Amino acid sequence: MFFDINGKPIGDGKLVSHAYEIIHLALDQTGLPNERKLAFADKFQDLFIMQVRATGQTQRSTNQRIRKLCTNIGSFRWNDKNPMLSGIADGKLSIWFYPNVVFIDPSL
């Protein structure tokens, strides 16, 4: 991924892989660039969230930067004004007001 303004790479430049085919992804475009998140769904309709950039004390391995949010996701989208994520899962609207909490306590 690259910044749209200057074309520089986002993140640490290392490739990120996922075990299954990615069918949809969306980048949170609010806030500071170093706080951005990437949401993606794989072919099994599992929704994941990933920290795009991790530096300093928050630097983690790729596995620690990716967390599963839910299963059976139909579609999802970031809010264009706030870092909130919404999606249709199991035929119901789900809204994650603070999806970053999954990096603090995955059980929430």
C-alpha atoms as a PDB file:
ATOM      1  CA  MET A   1       0.000   0.000   0.000  1.00  0.00           C
ATOM      2  CA  PHE A   2       1.104   3.518  -0.721  1.00  0.00           C
ATOM      3  CA  PHE A   3       0.143   7.013   0.406  1.00  0.00           C
ATOM      4  CA  ASP A   4      -1.966   8.718  -2.226  1.00  0.00           C
ATOM      5  CA  ILE A   5      -0.296  12.091  -1.619  1.00  0.00           C
ATOM      6  CA  ASN A   6       3.394  11.282  -2.058  1.00  0.00           C
ATOM      7  CA  GLY A   7       3.497   7.644  -3.201  1.00  0.00           C
ATOM      8  CA  LYS A   8       5.608   6.466  -0.260  1.00  0.00           C
ATOM      9  CA  PRO A   9       4.897   3.016   1.183  1.00  0.00           C
ATOM     10  CA  ILE A  10       2.534   2.765   4.161  1.00  0.00           C
ATOM     11  CA  GLY A  11       3.866   0.695   7.034  1.00  0.00           C
ATOM     12  CA  ASP A  12       7.242  -0.960   7.404  1.00  0.00           C
ATOM     13  CA  GLY A  13       7.430  -2.083   3.767  1.00  0.00           C
ATOM     14  CA  LYS A  14       7.278  -5.789   4.606  1.00  0.00           C
ATOM     15  CA  LEU A  15       4.839  -7.995   2.746  1.00  0.00           C
ATOM     16  CA  VAL A  16       1.819  -9.232   4.644  1.00  0.00           C
ATOM     17  CA  SER A  17       0.234 -12.549   3.778  1.00  0.00           C
ATOM     18  CA  HIS A  18      -2.991 -14.246   4.739  1.00  0.00           C
ATOM     19  CA  ALA A  19      -3.706 -17.964   4.605  1.00  0.00           C
ATOM     20  CA  TYR A  20      -6.746 -17.566   2.340  1.00  0.00           C
ATOM     21  CA  GLU A  21      -7.797 -15.468  -0.627  1.00  0.00           C
ATOM     22  CA  ILE A  22      -8.829 -11.891   0.231  1.00  0.00           C
ATOM     23  CA  ILE A  23     -12.154 -10.936  -1.350  1.00  0.00           C
ATOM     24  CA  HIS A  24     -12.659  -7.397   0.014  1.00  0.00           C
ATOM     25  CA  LEU A  25     -10.536  -4.820   1.815  1.00  0.00           C
ATOM     26  CA  ALA A  26     -11.003  -1.282   3.065  1.00  0.00           C
ATOM     27  CA  LEU A  27      -8.549   1.223   4.514  1.00  0.00           C
ATOM     28  CA  ASP A  28      -9.539   3.546   7.356  1.00  0.00           C
ATOM     29  CA  GLN A  29      -8.765   6.995   5.948  1.00  0.00           C
ATOM     30  CA  THR A  30      -9.456   9.099   9.034  1.00  0.00           C
ATOM     31  CA  GLY A  31      -6.984  10.342  11.594  1.00  0.00           C
ATOM     32  CA  LEU A  32      -3.222  10.251  11.421  1.00  0.00           C
ATOM     33  CA  PRO A  33      -1.522   7.993   8.856  1.00  0.00           C
ATOM     34  CA  ASN A  34       0.347   6.071  11.568  1.00  0.00           C
ATOM     35  CA  GLU A  35      -2.966   5.124  13.235  1.00  0.00           C
ATOM     36  CA  ARG A  36      -4.658   3.721  10.126  1.00  0.00           C
ATOM     37  CA  LYS A  37      -6.273   0.302  10.065  1.00  0.00           C
ATOM     38  CA  LEU A  38      -7.018  -2.060   7.209  1.00  0.00           C
ATOM     39  CA  ALA A  39     -10.110  -4.248   7.325  1.00  0.00           C
ATOM     40  CA  PHE A  40     -10.346  -7.255   5.042  1.00  0.00           C
ATOM     41  CA  ALA A  41     -12.546 -10.275   4.464  1.00  0.00           C
ATOM     42  CA  ASP A  42     -11.312 -13.637   3.240  1.00  0.00           C
ATOM     43  CA  LYS A  43     -13.079 -16.209   1.081  1.00  0.00           C
ATOM     44  CA  PHE A  44     -14.678 -17.753   4.183  1.00  0.00           C
ATOM     45  CA  GLN A  45     -16.311 -14.382   4.989  1.00  0.00           C
ATOM     46  CA  ASP A  46     -14.224 -13.823   8.116  1.00  0.00           C
ATOM     47  CA  LEU A  47     -13.577 -10.142   8.863  1.00  0.00           C
ATOM     48  CA  PHE A  48     -10.111  -9.140  10.055  1.00  0.00           C
ATOM     49  CA  ILE A  49      -8.579  -5.837  11.105  1.00  0.00           C
ATOM     50  CA  MET A  50      -4.910  -5.011  10.788  1.00  0.00           C
ATOM     51  CA  GLN A  51      -2.691  -2.220  12.041  1.00  0.00           C
ATOM     52  CA  VAL A  52      -1.093  -0.793   8.912  1.00  0.00           C
ATOM     53  CA  ARG A  53       1.839   0.848  10.640  1.00  0.00           C
ATOM     54  CA  ALA A  54       3.450  -0.234  13.888  1.00  0.00           C
ATOM     55  CA  THR A  55       6.525   1.623  15.110  1.00  0.00           C
ATOM     56  CA  GLY A  56       8.422   2.075  18.337  1.00  0.00           C
ATOM     57  CA  GLN A  57       7.034   0.275  21.360  1.00  0.00           C
ATOM     58  CA  THR A  58       3.884  -0.712  19.473  1.00  0.00           C
ATOM     59  CA  GLN A  59       5.882  -2.556  16.793  1.00  0.00           C
ATOM     60  CA  ARG A  60       4.621  -6.132  16.569  1.00  0.00           C
ATOM     61  CA  SER A  61       4.922  -9.137  14.320  1.00  0.00           C
ATOM     62  CA  THR A  62       2.433  -9.473  11.476  1.00  0.00           C
ATOM     63  CA  ASN A  63       0.433 -12.084  13.406  1.00  0.00           C
ATOM     64  CA  GLN A  64       0.043  -9.710  16.353  1.00  0.00           C
ATOM     65  CA  ARG A  65      -1.090  -6.873  14.062  1.00  0.00           C
ATOM     66  CA  ILE A  66      -3.976  -8.882  12.552  1.00  0.00           C
ATOM     67  CA  ARG A  67      -7.090  -9.748  14.576  1.00  0.00           C
ATOM     68  CA  LYS A  68     -10.374 -11.397  13.626  1.00  0.00           C
ATOM     69  CA  LEU A  69     -13.455  -9.265  14.307  1.00  0.00           C
ATOM     70  CA  CYS A  70     -16.299 -11.515  13.182  1.00  0.00           C
ATOM     71  CA  THR A  71     -17.426 -14.319  10.902  1.00  0.00           C
ATOM     72  CA  ASN A  72     -19.984 -14.521   8.114  1.00  0.00           C
ATOM     73  CA  ILE A  73     -19.527 -10.909   7.022  1.00  0.00           C
ATOM     74  CA  GLY A  74     -21.437  -9.873   3.929  1.00  0.00           C
ATOM     75  CA  SER A  75     -20.093  -6.365   3.396  1.00  0.00           C
ATOM     76  CA  PHE A  76     -18.325  -3.749   5.490  1.00  0.00           C
ATOM     77  CA  ARG A  77     -17.213  -0.147   5.300  1.00  0.00           C
ATOM     78  CA  TRP A  78     -15.256   2.409   7.323  1.00  0.00           C
ATOM     79  CA  ASN A  79     -16.957   5.634   8.363  1.00  0.00           C
ATOM     80  CA  ASP A  80     -15.550   8.566   6.376  1.00  0.00           C
ATOM     81  CA  LYS A  81     -15.422  10.947   9.381  1.00  0.00           C
ATOM     82  CA  ASN A  82     -14.525   8.679  12.341  1.00  0.00           C
ATOM     83  CA  PRO A  83     -12.504   5.466  12.745  1.00  0.00           C
ATOM     84  CA  MET A  84     -15.646   3.332  13.097  1.00  0.00           C
ATOM     85  CA  LEU A  85     -16.353   0.186  11.112  1.00  0.00           C
ATOM     86  CA  SER A  86     -19.747  -1.165  10.133  1.00  0.00           C
ATOM     87  CA  GLY A  87     -20.770  -4.344   8.397  1.00  0.00           C
ATOM     88  CA  ILE A  88     -23.569  -6.775   7.675  1.00  0.00           C
ATOM     89  CA  ALA A  89     -22.887 -10.064   9.476  1.00  0.00           C
ATOM     90  CA  ASP A  90     -25.414 -12.888   9.707  1.00  0.00           C
ATOM     91  CA  GLY A  91     -27.984 -10.561   8.137  1.00  0.00           C
ATOM     92  CA  LYS A  92     -27.636  -7.985  10.929  1.00  0.00           C
ATOM     93  CA  LEU A  93     -25.965  -4.592  10.991  1.00  0.00           C
ATOM     94  CA  SER A  94     -22.913  -4.545  13.259  1.00  0.00           C
ATOM     95  CA  ILE A  95     -21.082  -1.358  14.186  1.00  0.00           C
ATOM     96  CA  TRP A  96     -17.675  -1.307  15.851  1.00  0.00           C
ATOM     97  CA  PHE A  97     -17.404   2.136  17.443  1.00  0.00           C
ATOM     98  CA  TYR A  98     -13.814   1.496  18.530  1.00  0.00           C
ATOM     99  CA  PRO A  99     -12.435  -1.467  16.572  1.00  0.00           C
ATOM    100  CA  ASN A 100      -8.927  -0.840  17.987  1.00  0.00           C
ATOM    101  CA  VAL A 101     -10.045  -2.458  21.237  1.00  0.00           C
ATOM    102  CA  VAL A 102      -9.399  -5.856  19.656  1.00  0.00           C
ATOM    103  CA  PHE A 103      -5.651  -5.105  19.868  1.00  0.00           C
ATOM    104  CA  ILE A 104      -5.971  -4.417  23.604  1.00  0.00           C
ATOM    105  CA  ASP A 105      -8.313  -7.259  24.601  1.00  0.00           C
ATOM    106  CA  PRO A 106      -9.355  -9.687  21.822  1.00  0.00           C
ATOM    107  CA  SER A 107     -12.142 -11.128  23.986  1.00  0.00           C
ATOM    108  CA  LEU A 108     -14.080  -7.846  23.774  1.00  0.00           C
END
